[in-house]
Amino acid sequence: MTDVPNEDRAVYRRSRDWIDYAIHELPSGVLWGANGATPAQCAEMLSDLDAFAGICARLGLDDHTEFIEACRWHFDHYPHYLGRRRHFVDYATYIRDRRGSLRVSLPPSPDWFQRT
């Protein structure tokens, strides 16, 4: 897609950046700012992730689906872990026990992303 509106570029860039930051400490946990996310913050991130999925669909970024679903898994499961933390050594153990991904890698950037 060569003619991507500037507004879509900006929304995509902001969303990609905050999602990357939120998951960059995996498997230690999901971040909200400098701290671990709370259950309420994870719910907000799930909503924002849905918006990111929508813009990816609009931009034809089908290669982002796996990334989005992996993030969704963590934003959905991290609150459960927090509520049952005493039953697990750490979040990495929780992830392994539930066959989640210990790491989530960013999908390839669209060509226009590199040029902006």
C-alpha atoms as a PDB file:
ATOM      1  CA  MET A   1       0.000   0.000   0.000  1.00  0.00           C
ATOM      2  CA  THR A   2       1.807   3.098  -1.192  1.00  0.00           C
ATOM      3  CA  ASP A   3      -0.695   5.882  -0.491  1.00  0.00           C
ATOM      4  CA  VAL A   4      -1.224   5.653   3.257  1.00  0.00           C
ATOM      5  CA  PRO A   5      -2.865   8.727   4.822  1.00  0.00           C
ATOM      6  CA  ASN A   6      -0.658  10.558   7.340  1.00  0.00           C
ATOM      7  CA  GLU A   7      -3.272  10.088  10.071  1.00  0.00           C
ATOM      8  CA  ASP A   8      -3.200   6.291   9.590  1.00  0.00           C
ATOM      9  CA  ARG A   9       0.603   6.367   9.642  1.00  0.00           C
ATOM     10  CA  ALA A  10       0.602   8.302  12.905  1.00  0.00           C
ATOM     11  CA  VAL A  11      -1.968   6.031  14.578  1.00  0.00           C
ATOM     12  CA  TYR A  12      -0.129   2.916  13.390  1.00  0.00           C
ATOM     13  CA  ARG A  13       3.241   4.236  14.629  1.00  0.00           C
ATOM     14  CA  ARG A  14       1.907   5.276  18.064  1.00  0.00           C
ATOM     15  CA  SER A  15       0.075   1.990  18.535  1.00  0.00           C
ATOM     16  CA  ARG A  16       3.003  -0.128  17.418  1.00  0.00           C
ATOM     17  CA  ASP A  17       5.317   1.759  19.779  1.00  0.00           C
ATOM     18  CA  TRP A  18       3.185   1.403  22.910  1.00  0.00           C
ATOM     19  CA  ILE A  19       2.427  -2.258  22.220  1.00  0.00           C
ATOM     20  CA  ASP A  20       6.109  -3.000  21.689  1.00  0.00           C
ATOM     21  CA  TYR A  21       6.934  -1.232  24.952  1.00  0.00           C
ATOM     22  CA  ALA A  22       4.193  -3.062  26.879  1.00  0.00           C
ATOM     23  CA  ILE A  23       5.544  -6.478  25.886  1.00  0.00           C
ATOM     24  CA  HIS A  24       9.280  -5.832  25.670  1.00  0.00           C
ATOM     25  CA  GLU A  25       9.950  -7.190  29.173  1.00  0.00           C
ATOM     26  CA  LEU A  26       8.292 -10.566  28.525  1.00  0.00           C
ATOM     27  CA  PRO A  27       8.465 -13.061  30.104  1.00  0.00           C
ATOM     28  CA  SER A  28       8.798 -10.881  33.220  1.00  0.00           C
ATOM     29  CA  GLY A  29       5.409  -9.265  32.713  1.00  0.00           C
ATOM     30  CA  VAL A  30       3.306  -6.758  30.807  1.00  0.00           C
ATOM     31  CA  LEU A  31       4.201  -3.102  31.332  1.00  0.00           C
ATOM     32  CA  TRP A  32       2.152   0.045  31.674  1.00  0.00           C
ATOM     33  CA  GLY A  33       4.629   2.864  31.689  1.00  0.00           C
ATOM     34  CA  ALA A  34       7.537   1.970  33.966  1.00  0.00           C
ATOM     35  CA  ASN A  35       5.459  -0.425  36.085  1.00  0.00           C
ATOM     36  CA  GLY A  36       3.679  -3.699  35.643  1.00  0.00           C
ATOM     37  CA  ALA A  37       0.171  -3.341  34.238  1.00  0.00           C
ATOM     38  CA  THR A  38      -2.865  -3.697  36.481  1.00  0.00           C
ATOM     39  CA  PRO A  39      -5.918  -5.727  35.468  1.00  0.00           C
ATOM     40  CA  ALA A  40      -7.780  -2.505  34.568  1.00  0.00           C
ATOM     41  CA  GLN A  41      -4.855  -1.334  32.445  1.00  0.00           C
ATOM     42  CA  CYS A  42      -4.749  -4.697  30.669  1.00  0.00           C
ATOM     43  CA  ALA A  43      -8.444  -4.284  29.824  1.00  0.00           C
ATOM     44  CA  GLU A  44      -7.666  -0.868  28.363  1.00  0.00           C
ATOM     45  CA  MET A  45      -4.756  -2.339  26.392  1.00  0.00           C
ATOM     46  CA  LEU A  46      -7.064  -5.034  24.988  1.00  0.00           C
ATOM     47  CA  SER A  47      -9.414  -2.326  23.757  1.00  0.00           C
ATOM     48  CA  ASP A  48      -6.540  -0.357  22.236  1.00  0.00           C
ATOM     49  CA  LEU A  49      -5.191  -3.545  20.662  1.00  0.00           C
ATOM     50  CA  ASP A  50      -8.571  -4.025  18.968  1.00  0.00           C
ATOM     51  CA  ALA A  51      -8.206  -0.530  17.512  1.00  0.00           C
ATOM     52  CA  PHE A  52      -4.694  -1.412  16.298  1.00  0.00           C
ATOM     53  CA  ALA A  53      -6.039  -4.597  14.716  1.00  0.00           C
ATOM     54  CA  GLY A  54      -8.637  -2.482  12.941  1.00  0.00           C
ATOM     55  CA  ILE A  55      -6.069  -0.116  11.482  1.00  0.00           C
ATOM     56  CA  CYS A  56      -3.882  -3.051  10.442  1.00  0.00           C
ATOM     57  CA  ALA A  57      -6.864  -4.585   8.641  1.00  0.00           C
ATOM     58  CA  ARG A  58      -7.649  -1.268   6.962  1.00  0.00           C
ATOM     59  CA  LEU A  59      -4.015  -0.994   5.828  1.00  0.00           C
ATOM     60  CA  GLY A  60      -3.937  -4.608   4.593  1.00  0.00           C
ATOM     61  CA  LEU A  61      -1.270  -5.692   7.093  1.00  0.00           C
ATOM     62  CA  ASP A  62      -2.287  -9.339   7.253  1.00  0.00           C
ATOM     63  CA  ASP A  63       1.180 -10.298   8.504  1.00  0.00           C
ATOM     64  CA  HIS A  64       0.362  -8.592  11.830  1.00  0.00           C
ATOM     65  CA  THR A  65      -2.328 -11.115  12.838  1.00  0.00           C
ATOM     66  CA  GLU A  66      -0.016 -13.472  14.742  1.00  0.00           C
ATOM     67  CA  PHE A  67       1.580 -10.552  16.598  1.00  0.00           C
ATOM     68  CA  ILE A  68      -1.807  -9.122  17.554  1.00  0.00           C
ATOM     69  CA  GLU A  69      -3.081 -12.476  18.799  1.00  0.00           C
ATOM     70  CA  ALA A  70       0.083 -13.088  20.843  1.00  0.00           C
ATOM     71  CA  CYS A  71      -0.296  -9.658  22.462  1.00  0.00           C
ATOM     72  CA  ARG A  72      -3.978 -10.343  23.064  1.00  0.00           C
ATOM     73  CA  TRP A  73      -3.025 -13.561  24.877  1.00  0.00           C
ATOM     74  CA  HIS A  74      -0.781 -11.661  27.280  1.00  0.00           C
ATOM     75  CA  PHE A  75      -3.130  -8.712  27.826  1.00  0.00           C
ATOM     76  CA  ASP A  76      -5.889 -11.227  28.586  1.00  0.00           C
ATOM     77  CA  HIS A  77      -3.848 -13.613  30.749  1.00  0.00           C
ATOM     78  CA  TYR A  78      -1.679 -11.196  32.742  1.00  0.00           C
ATOM     79  CA  PRO A  79      -4.587 -10.057  34.965  1.00  0.00           C
ATOM     80  CA  HIS A  80      -5.370 -13.702  35.735  1.00  0.00           C
ATOM     81  CA  TYR A  81      -1.739 -14.261  36.668  1.00  0.00           C
ATOM     82  CA  LEU A  82      -1.785 -11.197  38.941  1.00  0.00           C
ATOM     83  CA  GLY A  83      -4.817 -12.535  40.782  1.00  0.00           C
ATOM     84  CA  ARG A  84      -3.200 -15.938  41.282  1.00  0.00           C
ATOM     85  CA  ARG A  85       0.446 -14.866  41.581  1.00  0.00           C
ATOM     86  CA  ARG A  86       1.007 -16.784  44.798  1.00  0.00           C
ATOM     87  CA  HIS A  87       0.475 -20.038  42.872  1.00  0.00           C
ATOM     88  CA  PHE A  88       3.349 -19.378  40.446  1.00  0.00           C
ATOM     89  CA  VAL A  89       7.053 -18.816  40.778  1.00  0.00           C
ATOM     90  CA  ASP A  90       6.835 -16.044  38.176  1.00  0.00           C
ATOM     91  CA  TYR A  91       5.023 -14.986  35.014  1.00  0.00           C
ATOM     92  CA  ALA A  92       7.349 -17.072  32.835  1.00  0.00           C
ATOM     93  CA  THR A  93       6.191 -20.203  34.672  1.00  0.00           C
ATOM     94  CA  TYR A  94       2.567 -19.143  34.257  1.00  0.00           C
ATOM     95  CA  ILE A  95       3.118 -18.645  30.505  1.00  0.00           C
ATOM     96  CA  ARG A  96       4.804 -22.040  30.081  1.00  0.00           C
ATOM     97  CA  ASP A  97       2.080 -23.801  32.072  1.00  0.00           C
ATOM     98  CA  ARG A  98      -0.518 -22.353  29.689  1.00  0.00           C
ATOM     99  CA  ARG A  99       1.516 -22.866  26.533  1.00  0.00           C
ATOM    100  CA  GLY A 100       1.787 -19.158  25.779  1.00  0.00           C
ATOM    101  CA  SER A 101       4.635 -17.411  23.995  1.00  0.00           C
ATOM    102  CA  LEU A 102       7.484 -16.323  26.231  1.00  0.00           C
ATOM    103  CA  ARG A 103       8.419 -13.640  23.700  1.00  0.00           C
ATOM    104  CA  VAL A 104       6.392 -11.700  21.150  1.00  0.00           C
ATOM    105  CA  SER A 105       8.253 -10.355  18.144  1.00  0.00           C
ATOM    106  CA  LEU A 106       7.204  -7.321  16.166  1.00  0.00           C
ATOM    107  CA  PRO A 107       6.005  -8.081  12.658  1.00  0.00           C
ATOM    108  CA  PRO A 108       7.940  -6.644   9.727  1.00  0.00           C
ATOM    109  CA  SER A 109       7.387  -2.936   9.240  1.00  0.00           C
ATOM    110  CA  PRO A 110       5.482  -1.844   6.151  1.00  0.00           C
ATOM    111  CA  ASP A 111       7.649  -0.122   3.518  1.00  0.00           C
ATOM    112  CA  TRP A 112       6.045   3.253   4.153  1.00  0.00           C
ATOM    113  CA  PHE A 113       6.864   2.922   7.874  1.00  0.00           C
ATOM    114  CA  GLN A 114      10.581   2.830   7.069  1.00  0.00           C
ATOM    115  CA  ARG A 115      10.358   6.019   4.999  1.00  0.00           C
ATOM    116  CA  THR A 116       8.520   8.114   7.587  1.00  0.00           C
END
